[in-house]
Amino acid sequence: MKRTTKVWLGVGVCIMAGSGALPPSDPHAAARTLLSSSALTDPGATASAAQHVLRIAHHHRKTVKAKPAREGGEGEAGARSGESALAPDLDFALKIAQIRGHLLVGDELVQEGQWNGAYPHFRHPTEELYGPIRGRLKEYQTPPFEAALQVLANQVKRRKGGDDYAGALKAVTEALDAADQGVKAKQEDWNSFRIEVVLELLKSATEEYQGAIVNGRIAKPVEYQDARGFVWQADRMVESMAPALERKDADALKQVRAALAELKQTWPAAMPPKTPVKDYGAVLGDVSRIELAAGKLM
């Protein structure tokens, strides 16, 4: 995973610079120092250092990928056109994970009886994510599922619970399961690849969360909920791999779990509070700690 390692080393050096420490000349030594330092565990890391983290990670992604980097969240113009800075398998898997994140938080709202709040999360997969992957479904042995997405969204729009809703959700979930299996067939190291998807999903969450906050208040609940769904989906993915990750590096998994638990405190419920529990810089700091620890699991 040489391409990914470049990202971790860049992120690590950046945290040291942002916190006032000078990185050693050997970048591998820098990474080792960081993985055992308070940069991973200190929630009080400065917001400026955290912002440097994702800035340098984004820079490395641009330098190691052939296509131009995208701007904005998962619904930006690049996503609509199908253009992505990510490798094809990673881009496809990320969009599948984003769809799962939308459905996860949408279902949470449905279970709470928040049908109006849930509806955008069942509509967005078709509006923002399905188009860019439509022409690639066959490559990953995935049956078309746009109609299933529309049926599910309509069930939510009409507040149709019970078996109608459960059956529609099951049909979409089965298509997403097939997509994951199609991507898995192309990977030499499935768990390492999925960790990379997790990290891209968390990056998407930070972008959605940033968009939710206006003048110190959570002004856009849908973006807040998007971010929650993506983080909860990332956590589910980590836990689904936990036995294998623990065998690989139990301490690194422990760090990832701890940082994810800290990150999840940002979203105390599916319906947002009026003011953020954490500011954007603090969220970036949490994600940077996950990134650094996860580098040892890839």
C-alpha atoms as a PDB file:
ATOM      1  CA  MET A   1       0.000   0.000   0.000  1.00  0.00           C
ATOM      2  CA  LYS A   2       2.754   2.486  -0.922  1.00  0.00           C
ATOM      3  CA  ARG A   3       0.311   5.096  -2.190  1.00  0.00           C
ATOM      4  CA  THR A   4      -1.588   5.166   1.087  1.00  0.00           C
ATOM      5  CA  THR A   5       1.565   5.196   3.217  1.00  0.00           C
ATOM      6  CA  LYS A   6       2.549   8.479   1.593  1.00  0.00           C
ATOM      7  CA  VAL A   7      -0.679   9.975   2.904  1.00  0.00           C
ATOM      8  CA  TRP A   8      -0.054   8.822   6.488  1.00  0.00           C
ATOM      9  CA  LEU A   9       3.494  10.134   6.533  1.00  0.00           C
ATOM     10  CA  GLY A  10       2.374  13.489   5.200  1.00  0.00           C
ATOM     11  CA  VAL A  11      -0.419  13.693   7.746  1.00  0.00           C
ATOM     12  CA  GLY A  12       1.930  12.810  10.575  1.00  0.00           C
ATOM     13  CA  VAL A  13       4.554  15.363   9.698  1.00  0.00           C
ATOM     14  CA  CYS A  14       1.808  17.962   9.405  1.00  0.00           C
ATOM     15  CA  ILE A  15       0.456  17.295  12.886  1.00  0.00           C
ATOM     16  CA  MET A  16       3.931  17.717  14.304  1.00  0.00           C
ATOM     17  CA  ALA A  17       4.358  20.998  12.466  1.00  0.00           C
ATOM     18  CA  GLY A  18       0.935  22.217  13.571  1.00  0.00           C
ATOM     19  CA  SER A  19       1.636  21.385  17.207  1.00  0.00           C
ATOM     20  CA  GLY A  20       4.991  23.155  17.183  1.00  0.00           C
ATOM     21  CA  ALA A  21       7.252  20.102  16.934  1.00  0.00           C
ATOM     22  CA  LEU A  22       9.897  19.826  14.264  1.00  0.00           C
ATOM     23  CA  PRO A  23       9.699  16.563  12.273  1.00  0.00           C
ATOM     24  CA  PRO A  24      12.822  14.436  12.082  1.00  0.00           C
ATOM     25  CA  SER A  25      14.548  14.210   8.725  1.00  0.00           C
ATOM     26  CA  ASP A  26      13.494  10.552   8.388  1.00  0.00           C
ATOM     27  CA  PRO A  27       9.733  10.547   7.611  1.00  0.00           C
ATOM     28  CA  HIS A  28       9.365   6.955   8.781  1.00  0.00           C
ATOM     29  CA  ALA A  29      10.841   7.963  12.134  1.00  0.00           C
ATOM     30  CA  ALA A  30       8.340  10.818  12.173  1.00  0.00           C
ATOM     31  CA  ALA A  31       5.481   8.406  11.675  1.00  0.00           C
ATOM     32  CA  ARG A  32       6.755   6.095  14.430  1.00  0.00           C
ATOM     33  CA  THR A  33       7.105   9.044  16.794  1.00  0.00           C
ATOM     34  CA  LEU A  34       3.606  10.246  16.049  1.00  0.00           C
ATOM     35  CA  LEU A  35       2.006   6.856  16.513  1.00  0.00           C
ATOM     36  CA  SER A  36       3.356   6.749  20.070  1.00  0.00           C
ATOM     37  CA  SER A  37       2.843  10.446  20.875  1.00  0.00           C
ATOM     38  CA  SER A  38       0.076  12.540  22.378  1.00  0.00           C
ATOM     39  CA  ALA A  39      -0.904  13.629  18.856  1.00  0.00           C
ATOM     40  CA  LEU A  40      -3.048  10.496  18.743  1.00  0.00           C
ATOM     41  CA  THR A  41      -4.569  10.788  22.171  1.00  0.00           C
ATOM     42  CA  ASP A  42      -4.751  14.476  23.069  1.00  0.00           C
ATOM     43  CA  PRO A  43      -8.256  15.763  22.283  1.00  0.00           C
ATOM     44  CA  GLY A  44      -6.928  19.271  22.874  1.00  0.00           C
ATOM     45  CA  ALA A  45      -4.830  19.262  19.726  1.00  0.00           C
ATOM     46  CA  THR A  46      -5.162  22.644  18.065  1.00  0.00           C
ATOM     47  CA  ALA A  47      -7.778  23.174  15.389  1.00  0.00           C
ATOM     48  CA  SER A  48      -5.122  24.636  13.129  1.00  0.00           C
ATOM     49  CA  ALA A  49      -3.060  21.448  13.372  1.00  0.00           C
ATOM     50  CA  ALA A  50      -6.123  19.365  12.615  1.00  0.00           C
ATOM     51  CA  GLN A  51      -6.931  21.491   9.581  1.00  0.00           C
ATOM     52  CA  HIS A  52      -3.339  21.042   8.395  1.00  0.00           C
ATOM     53  CA  VAL A  53      -3.848  17.285   8.681  1.00  0.00           C
ATOM     54  CA  LEU A  54      -6.598  16.996   6.102  1.00  0.00           C
ATOM     55  CA  ARG A  55      -5.039  19.702   3.937  1.00  0.00           C
ATOM     56  CA  ILE A  56      -1.813  17.718   3.596  1.00  0.00           C
ATOM     57  CA  ALA A  57      -3.724  14.458   3.136  1.00  0.00           C
ATOM     58  CA  HIS A  58      -5.725  16.067   0.340  1.00  0.00           C
ATOM     59  CA  HIS A  59      -2.486  17.337  -1.219  1.00  0.00           C
ATOM     60  CA  HIS A  60      -0.992  13.847  -1.217  1.00  0.00           C
ATOM     61  CA  ARG A  61      -4.131  12.388  -2.753  1.00  0.00           C
ATOM     62  CA  LYS A  62      -3.803  14.897  -5.577  1.00  0.00           C
ATOM     63  CA  THR A  63      -0.150  14.085  -6.159  1.00  0.00           C
ATOM     64  CA  VAL A  64      -0.614  10.313  -6.266  1.00  0.00           C
ATOM     65  CA  LYS A  65      -3.839  10.083  -8.276  1.00  0.00           C
ATOM     66  CA  ALA A  66      -4.080  10.647 -11.986  1.00  0.00           C
ATOM     67  CA  LYS A  67      -7.382  12.556 -12.034  1.00  0.00           C
ATOM     68  CA  PRO A  68      -7.990  16.065 -10.624  1.00  0.00           C
ATOM     69  CA  ALA A  69      -9.257  16.256  -7.062  1.00  0.00           C
ATOM     70  CA  ARG A  70     -12.870  17.019  -6.319  1.00  0.00           C
ATOM     71  CA  GLU A  71     -14.175  19.908  -4.275  1.00  0.00           C
ATOM     72  CA  GLY A  72     -17.006  19.701  -1.752  1.00  0.00           C
ATOM     73  CA  GLY A  73     -19.066  16.843  -0.397  1.00  0.00           C
ATOM     74  CA  GLU A  74     -20.512  13.728  -1.951  1.00  0.00           C
ATOM     75  CA  GLY A  75     -23.051  15.651  -4.024  1.00  0.00           C
ATOM     76  CA  GLU A  76     -20.636  18.016  -5.762  1.00  0.00           C
ATOM     77  CA  ALA A  77     -20.340  18.510  -9.515  1.00  0.00           C
ATOM     78  CA  GLY A  78     -17.520  16.011  -9.784  1.00  0.00           C
ATOM     79  CA  ALA A  79     -19.661  13.290  -8.266  1.00  0.00           C
ATOM     80  CA  ARG A  80     -22.523  14.117 -10.619  1.00  0.00           C
ATOM     81  CA  SER A  81     -20.272  13.820 -13.646  1.00  0.00           C
ATOM     82  CA  GLY A  82     -18.657  10.627 -12.378  1.00  0.00           C
ATOM     83  CA  GLU A  83     -15.222  12.280 -12.199  1.00  0.00           C
ATOM     84  CA  SER A  84     -13.233  11.392  -9.105  1.00  0.00           C
ATOM     85  CA  ALA A  85      -9.749  11.858  -7.720  1.00  0.00           C
ATOM     86  CA  LEU A  86      -9.917   8.351  -6.259  1.00  0.00           C
ATOM     87  CA  ALA A  87      -8.920   5.060  -7.840  1.00  0.00           C
ATOM     88  CA  PRO A  88     -11.954   3.431  -9.517  1.00  0.00           C
ATOM     89  CA  ASP A  89     -12.461   0.606  -7.011  1.00  0.00           C
ATOM     90  CA  LEU A  90     -12.107   2.981  -4.064  1.00  0.00           C
ATOM     91  CA  ASP A  91     -14.453   5.544  -5.592  1.00  0.00           C
ATOM     92  CA  PHE A  92     -17.119   2.893  -6.267  1.00  0.00           C
ATOM     93  CA  ALA A  93     -16.809   1.392  -2.785  1.00  0.00           C
ATOM     94  CA  LEU A  94     -16.951   4.835  -1.179  1.00  0.00           C
ATOM     95  CA  LYS A  95     -20.196   5.695  -2.939  1.00  0.00           C
ATOM     96  CA  ILE A  96     -21.710   2.383  -1.839  1.00  0.00           C
ATOM     97  CA  ALA A  97     -20.646   3.161   1.733  1.00  0.00           C
ATOM     98  CA  GLN A  98     -22.110   6.668   1.456  1.00  0.00           C
ATOM     99  CA  ILE A  99     -25.420   5.207   0.303  1.00  0.00           C
ATOM    100  CA  ARG A 100     -25.349   2.903   3.324  1.00  0.00           C
ATOM    101  CA  GLY A 101     -24.649   5.908   5.565  1.00  0.00           C
ATOM    102  CA  HIS A 102     -27.638   7.780   4.166  1.00  0.00           C
ATOM    103  CA  LEU A 103     -29.899   4.767   4.685  1.00  0.00           C
ATOM    104  CA  LEU A 104     -28.527   4.176   8.172  1.00  0.00           C
ATOM    105  CA  VAL A 105     -29.375   7.643   9.493  1.00  0.00           C
ATOM    106  CA  GLY A 106     -32.581   7.696   7.446  1.00  0.00           C
ATOM    107  CA  ASP A 107     -33.724   4.456   9.052  1.00  0.00           C
ATOM    108  CA  GLU A 108     -32.828   5.825  12.470  1.00  0.00           C
ATOM    109  CA  LEU A 109     -35.122   8.786  11.812  1.00  0.00           C
ATOM    110  CA  VAL A 110     -37.873   6.497  10.509  1.00  0.00           C
ATOM    111  CA  GLN A 111     -37.715   4.454  13.709  1.00  0.00           C
ATOM    112  CA  GLU A 112     -38.150   7.700  15.642  1.00  0.00           C
ATOM    113  CA  GLY A 113     -41.178   8.639  13.537  1.00  0.00           C
ATOM    114  CA  GLN A 114     -39.308  11.534  11.905  1.00  0.00           C
ATOM    115  CA  TRP A 115     -40.550  10.766   8.395  1.00  0.00           C
ATOM    116  CA  ASN A 116     -40.027  14.266   6.976  1.00  0.00           C
ATOM    117  CA  GLY A 117     -36.516  14.394   8.352  1.00  0.00           C
ATOM    118  CA  ALA A 118     -35.782  10.921   7.017  1.00  0.00           C
ATOM    119  CA  TYR A 119     -36.963  11.509   3.462  1.00  0.00           C
ATOM    120  CA  PRO A 120     -33.911  13.467   2.148  1.00  0.00           C
ATOM    121  CA  HIS A 121     -31.626  10.604   3.157  1.00  0.00           C
ATOM    122  CA  PHE A 122     -33.583   8.161   1.021  1.00  0.00           C
ATOM    123  CA  ARG A 123     -33.728  10.618  -1.875  1.00  0.00           C
ATOM    124  CA  HIS A 124     -30.053  11.632  -1.919  1.00  0.00           C
ATOM    125  CA  PRO A 125     -28.655   8.244  -2.994  1.00  0.00           C
ATOM    126  CA  THR A 126     -30.552   8.500  -6.274  1.00  0.00           C
ATOM    127  CA  GLU A 127     -29.932  12.225  -6.745  1.00  0.00           C
ATOM    128  CA  GLU A 128     -26.243  12.336  -5.832  1.00  0.00           C
ATOM    129  CA  LEU A 129     -24.624   8.912  -5.819  1.00  0.00           C
ATOM    130  CA  TYR A 130     -26.305   6.428  -8.134  1.00  0.00           C
ATOM    131  CA  GLY A 131     -25.659   8.329 -11.364  1.00  0.00           C
ATOM    132  CA  PRO A 132     -21.851   8.200 -11.166  1.00  0.00           C
ATOM    133  CA  ILE A 133     -21.859   4.429 -10.537  1.00  0.00           C
ATOM    134  CA  ARG A 134     -24.695   3.423 -12.878  1.00  0.00           C
ATOM    135  CA  GLY A 135     -22.393   2.631 -15.795  1.00  0.00           C
ATOM    136  CA  ARG A 136     -20.013   0.637 -13.588  1.00  0.00           C
ATOM    137  CA  LEU A 137     -22.450  -1.732 -11.889  1.00  0.00           C
ATOM    138  CA  LYS A 138     -21.855  -4.535 -14.391  1.00  0.00           C
ATOM    139  CA  GLU A 139     -18.111  -4.376 -13.746  1.00  0.00           C
ATOM    140  CA  TYR A 140     -18.803  -5.199 -10.099  1.00  0.00           C
ATOM    141  CA  GLN A 141     -21.489  -7.807 -10.776  1.00  0.00           C
ATOM    142  CA  THR A 142     -24.131  -5.568  -9.206  1.00  0.00           C
ATOM    143  CA  PRO A 143     -27.744  -5.602 -10.408  1.00  0.00           C
ATOM    144  CA  PRO A 144     -29.249  -2.185 -11.213  1.00  0.00           C
ATOM    145  CA  PHE A 145     -31.000  -0.852  -8.130  1.00  0.00           C
ATOM    146  CA  GLU A 146     -32.168   2.652  -8.997  1.00  0.00           C
ATOM    147  CA  ALA A 147     -35.788   1.473  -9.122  1.00  0.00           C
ATOM    148  CA  ALA A 148     -35.381  -0.136  -5.699  1.00  0.00           C
ATOM    149  CA  LEU A 149     -34.006   3.149  -4.326  1.00  0.00           C
ATOM    150  CA  GLN A 150     -36.988   5.030  -5.748  1.00  0.00           C
ATOM    151  CA  VAL A 151     -39.484   2.547  -4.297  1.00  0.00           C
ATOM    152  CA  LEU A 152     -37.837   2.909  -0.885  1.00  0.00           C
ATOM    153  CA  ALA A 153     -37.866   6.722  -1.070  1.00  0.00           C
ATOM    154  CA  ASN A 154     -41.531   6.663  -2.049  1.00  0.00           C
ATOM    155  CA  GLN A 155     -42.384   4.436   0.905  1.00  0.00           C
ATOM    156  CA  VAL A 156     -40.770   6.971   3.227  1.00  0.00           C
ATOM    157  CA  LYS A 157     -42.406   9.926   1.476  1.00  0.00           C
ATOM    158  CA  ARG A 158     -45.814   8.287   1.952  1.00  0.00           C
ATOM    159  CA  ARG A 159     -44.920   7.294   5.525  1.00  0.00           C
ATOM    160  CA  LYS A 160     -45.435   3.644   4.703  1.00  0.00           C
ATOM    161  CA  GLY A 161     -43.934   1.650   7.522  1.00  0.00           C
ATOM    162  CA  GLY A 162     -44.223  -2.031   8.373  1.00  0.00           C
ATOM    163  CA  ASP A 163     -43.603  -4.713   5.777  1.00  0.00           C
ATOM    164  CA  ASP A 164     -43.727  -2.280   2.840  1.00  0.00           C
ATOM    165  CA  TYR A 165     -40.857  -0.228   4.200  1.00  0.00           C
ATOM    166  CA  ALA A 166     -38.895  -3.223   5.505  1.00  0.00           C
ATOM    167  CA  GLY A 167     -39.166  -5.038   2.164  1.00  0.00           C
ATOM    168  CA  ALA A 168     -38.094  -1.979   0.180  1.00  0.00           C
ATOM    169  CA  LEU A 169     -35.103  -1.431   2.468  1.00  0.00           C
ATOM    170  CA  LYS A 170     -34.137  -5.104   2.182  1.00  0.00           C
ATOM    171  CA  ALA A 171     -34.134  -4.933  -1.626  1.00  0.00           C
ATOM    172  CA  VAL A 172     -31.692  -2.005  -1.617  1.00  0.00           C
ATOM    173  CA  THR A 173     -29.510  -3.603   1.058  1.00  0.00           C
ATOM    174  CA  GLU A 174     -29.181  -6.794  -0.992  1.00  0.00           C
ATOM    175  CA  ALA A 175     -28.014  -4.773  -4.007  1.00  0.00           C
ATOM    176  CA  LEU A 176     -25.443  -2.972  -1.848  1.00  0.00           C
ATOM    177  CA  ASP A 177     -24.247  -6.333  -0.498  1.00  0.00           C
ATOM    178  CA  ALA A 178     -23.758  -7.536  -4.087  1.00  0.00           C
ATOM    179  CA  ALA A 179     -21.786  -4.381  -4.878  1.00  0.00           C
ATOM    180  CA  ASP A 180     -19.469  -4.966  -1.932  1.00  0.00           C
ATOM    181  CA  GLN A 181     -18.887  -8.543  -3.029  1.00  0.00           C
ATOM    182  CA  GLY A 182     -18.099  -7.351  -6.532  1.00  0.00           C
ATOM    183  CA  VAL A 183     -15.460  -4.954  -5.239  1.00  0.00           C
ATOM    184  CA  LYS A 184     -14.082  -7.584  -2.849  1.00  0.00           C
ATOM    185  CA  ALA A 185     -13.407  -9.935  -5.759  1.00  0.00           C
ATOM    186  CA  LYS A 186     -10.941  -7.384  -7.155  1.00  0.00           C
ATOM    187  CA  GLN A 187      -8.948  -6.823  -3.955  1.00  0.00           C
ATOM    188  CA  GLU A 188      -5.825  -8.634  -2.797  1.00  0.00           C
ATOM    189  CA  ASP A 189      -6.280  -7.394   0.774  1.00  0.00           C
ATOM    190  CA  TRP A 190      -9.946  -6.737   1.436  1.00  0.00           C
ATOM    191  CA  ASN A 191      -9.576  -5.482   5.012  1.00  0.00           C
ATOM    192  CA  SER A 192      -6.806  -3.048   4.114  1.00  0.00           C
ATOM    193  CA  PHE A 193      -8.931  -1.746   1.252  1.00  0.00           C
ATOM    194  CA  ARG A 194     -11.955  -1.337   3.517  1.00  0.00           C
ATOM    195  CA  ILE A 195      -9.900   0.677   6.000  1.00  0.00           C
ATOM    196  CA  GLU A 196      -9.101   3.021   3.140  1.00  0.00           C
ATOM    197  CA  VAL A 197     -12.834   3.280   2.382  1.00  0.00           C
ATOM    198  CA  VAL A 198     -13.495   4.036   6.065  1.00  0.00           C
ATOM    199  CA  LEU A 199     -11.028   6.908   5.997  1.00  0.00           C
ATOM    200  CA  GLU A 200     -12.508   8.387   2.831  1.00  0.00           C
ATOM    201  CA  LEU A 201     -15.964   8.060   4.393  1.00  0.00           C
ATOM    202  CA  LEU A 202     -14.809   9.949   7.477  1.00  0.00           C
ATOM    203  CA  LYS A 203     -13.364  12.657   5.252  1.00  0.00           C
ATOM    204  CA  SER A 204     -16.802  12.968   3.629  1.00  0.00           C
ATOM    205  CA  ALA A 205     -18.321  13.256   7.103  1.00  0.00           C
ATOM    206  CA  THR A 206     -16.077  16.183   8.018  1.00  0.00           C
ATOM    207  CA  GLU A 207     -17.126  18.007   4.843  1.00  0.00           C
ATOM    208  CA  GLU A 208     -20.812  17.446   5.570  1.00  0.00           C
ATOM    209  CA  TYR A 209     -20.368  18.551   9.174  1.00  0.00           C
ATOM    210  CA  GLN A 210     -18.579  21.725   8.137  1.00  0.00           C
ATOM    211  CA  GLY A 211     -21.485  22.529   5.829  1.00  0.00           C
ATOM    212  CA  ALA A 212     -24.006  22.019   8.631  1.00  0.00           C
ATOM    213  CA  ILE A 213     -22.585  24.788  10.816  1.00  0.00           C
ATOM    214  CA  VAL A 214     -23.372  28.440  10.083  1.00  0.00           C
ATOM    215  CA  ASN A 215     -22.379  31.202  12.500  1.00  0.00           C
ATOM    216  CA  GLY A 216     -21.779  28.770  15.320  1.00  0.00           C
ATOM    217  CA  ARG A 217     -25.143  27.039  14.997  1.00  0.00           C
ATOM    218  CA  ILE A 218     -26.281  23.827  13.309  1.00  0.00           C
ATOM    219  CA  ALA A 219     -28.292  25.517  10.595  1.00  0.00           C
ATOM    220  CA  LYS A 220     -28.489  22.585   8.173  1.00  0.00           C
ATOM    221  CA  PRO A 221     -29.793  19.454   9.921  1.00  0.00           C
ATOM    222  CA  VAL A 222     -29.603  17.286   6.784  1.00  0.00           C
ATOM    223  CA  GLU A 223     -25.839  17.844   6.504  1.00  0.00           C
ATOM    224  CA  TYR A 224     -25.450  17.138  10.226  1.00  0.00           C
ATOM    225  CA  GLN A 225     -27.345  13.890   9.725  1.00  0.00           C
ATOM    226  CA  ASP A 226     -25.345  12.984   6.606  1.00  0.00           C
ATOM    227  CA  ALA A 227     -22.179  13.288   8.660  1.00  0.00           C
ATOM    228  CA  ARG A 228     -23.679  11.169  11.455  1.00  0.00           C
ATOM    229  CA  GLY A 229     -24.697   8.452   9.001  1.00  0.00           C
ATOM    230  CA  PHE A 230     -21.242   8.354   7.425  1.00  0.00           C
ATOM    231  CA  VAL A 231     -19.487   8.132  10.808  1.00  0.00           C
ATOM    232  CA  TRP A 232     -21.840   5.418  12.063  1.00  0.00           C
ATOM    233  CA  GLN A 233     -21.312   3.466   8.836  1.00  0.00           C
ATOM    234  CA  ALA A 234     -17.533   3.832   9.207  1.00  0.00           C
ATOM    235  CA  ASP A 235     -17.809   2.492  12.765  1.00  0.00           C
ATOM    236  CA  ARG A 236     -19.863  -0.487  11.555  1.00  0.00           C
ATOM    237  CA  MET A 237     -17.254  -1.267   8.934  1.00  0.00           C
ATOM    238  CA  VAL A 238     -14.460  -1.215  11.501  1.00  0.00           C
ATOM    239  CA  GLU A 239     -16.394  -3.480  13.857  1.00  0.00           C
ATOM    240  CA  SER A 240     -17.163  -5.925  11.039  1.00  0.00           C
ATOM    241  CA  MET A 241     -13.391  -6.327  10.566  1.00  0.00           C
ATOM    242  CA  ALA A 242     -12.473  -6.199  14.249  1.00  0.00           C
ATOM    243  CA  PRO A 243     -11.308  -9.823  14.742  1.00  0.00           C
ATOM    244  CA  ALA A 244      -8.901  -9.630  11.787  1.00  0.00           C
ATOM    245  CA  LEU A 245      -7.713  -6.128  12.716  1.00  0.00           C
ATOM    246  CA  GLU A 246      -7.066  -7.183  16.293  1.00  0.00           C
ATOM    247  CA  ARG A 247      -4.855 -10.016  15.080  1.00  0.00           C
ATOM    248  CA  LYS A 248      -2.948  -7.551  12.913  1.00  0.00           C
ATOM    249  CA  ASP A 249      -2.398  -4.847  15.537  1.00  0.00           C
ATOM    250  CA  ALA A 250      -4.544  -4.897  18.662  1.00  0.00           C
ATOM    251  CA  ASP A 251      -3.181  -1.605  19.981  1.00  0.00           C
ATOM    252  CA  ALA A 252      -3.872   0.237  16.729  1.00  0.00           C
ATOM    253  CA  LEU A 253      -7.446  -1.107  16.684  1.00  0.00           C
ATOM    254  CA  LYS A 254      -7.882   0.048  20.276  1.00  0.00           C
ATOM    255  CA  GLN A 255      -6.751   3.543  19.258  1.00  0.00           C
ATOM    256  CA  VAL A 256      -9.109   3.606  16.286  1.00  0.00           C
ATOM    257  CA  ARG A 257     -12.038   2.508  18.431  1.00  0.00           C
ATOM    258  CA  ALA A 258     -11.259   5.096  21.102  1.00  0.00           C
ATOM    259  CA  ALA A 259     -10.968   7.897  18.551  1.00  0.00           C
ATOM    260  CA  LEU A 260     -14.200   6.812  16.840  1.00  0.00           C
ATOM    261  CA  ALA A 261     -16.004   6.801  20.190  1.00  0.00           C
ATOM    262  CA  GLU A 262     -14.722  10.321  20.814  1.00  0.00           C
ATOM    263  CA  LEU A 263     -15.753  11.422  17.320  1.00  0.00           C
ATOM    264  CA  LYS A 264     -19.280  10.001  17.711  1.00  0.00           C
ATOM    265  CA  GLN A 265     -19.918  12.301  20.675  1.00  0.00           C
ATOM    266  CA  THR A 266     -20.257  15.086  18.095  1.00  0.00           C
ATOM    267  CA  TRP A 267     -23.689  13.693  17.142  1.00  0.00           C
ATOM    268  CA  PRO A 268     -25.615  13.028  20.383  1.00  0.00           C
ATOM    269  CA  ALA A 269     -28.809  12.202  18.458  1.00  0.00           C
ATOM    270  CA  ALA A 270     -30.119  11.967  14.924  1.00  0.00           C
ATOM    271  CA  MET A 271     -31.985  15.244  15.396  1.00  0.00           C
ATOM    272  CA  PRO A 272     -29.322  17.905  15.919  1.00  0.00           C
ATOM    273  CA  PRO A 273     -28.903  20.189  18.898  1.00  0.00           C
ATOM    274  CA  LYS A 274     -29.087  23.929  18.225  1.00  0.00           C
ATOM    275  CA  THR A 275     -25.363  24.444  18.744  1.00  0.00           C
ATOM    276  CA  PRO A 276     -22.512  22.044  17.906  1.00  0.00           C
ATOM    277  CA  VAL A 277     -21.171  19.740  20.589  1.00  0.00           C
ATOM    278  CA  LYS A 278     -17.783  20.061  18.865  1.00  0.00           C
ATOM    279  CA  ASP A 279     -16.505  22.626  16.444  1.00  0.00           C
ATOM    280  CA  TYR A 280     -15.170  21.700  13.027  1.00  0.00           C
ATOM    281  CA  GLY A 281     -11.538  21.828  14.126  1.00  0.00           C
ATOM    282  CA  ALA A 282     -12.164  19.364  16.950  1.00  0.00           C
ATOM    283  CA  VAL A 283     -13.844  16.963  14.524  1.00  0.00           C
ATOM    284  CA  LEU A 284     -10.842  17.181  12.206  1.00  0.00           C
ATOM    285  CA  GLY A 285      -8.605  16.414  15.171  1.00  0.00           C
ATOM    286  CA  ASP A 286     -10.596  13.269  15.980  1.00  0.00           C
ATOM    287  CA  VAL A 287     -10.454  12.100  12.362  1.00  0.00           C
ATOM    288  CA  SER A 288      -6.718  12.766  12.160  1.00  0.00           C
ATOM    289  CA  ARG A 289      -6.141  10.487  15.161  1.00  0.00           C
ATOM    290  CA  ILE A 290      -8.178   7.758  13.478  1.00  0.00           C
ATOM    291  CA  GLU A 291      -6.158   8.191  10.277  1.00  0.00           C
ATOM    292  CA  LEU A 292      -2.837   7.872  12.051  1.00  0.00           C
ATOM    293  CA  ALA A 293      -3.807   4.774  14.024  1.00  0.00           C
ATOM    294  CA  ALA A 294      -5.500   3.155  11.024  1.00  0.00           C
ATOM    295  CA  GLY A 295      -2.285   3.446   9.013  1.00  0.00           C
ATOM    296  CA  LYS A 296      -0.931   0.528  11.045  1.00  0.00           C
ATOM    297  CA  LEU A 297      -3.916  -1.640  10.095  1.00  0.00           C
ATOM    298  CA  MET A 298      -3.445  -1.390   6.350  1.00  0.00           C
END
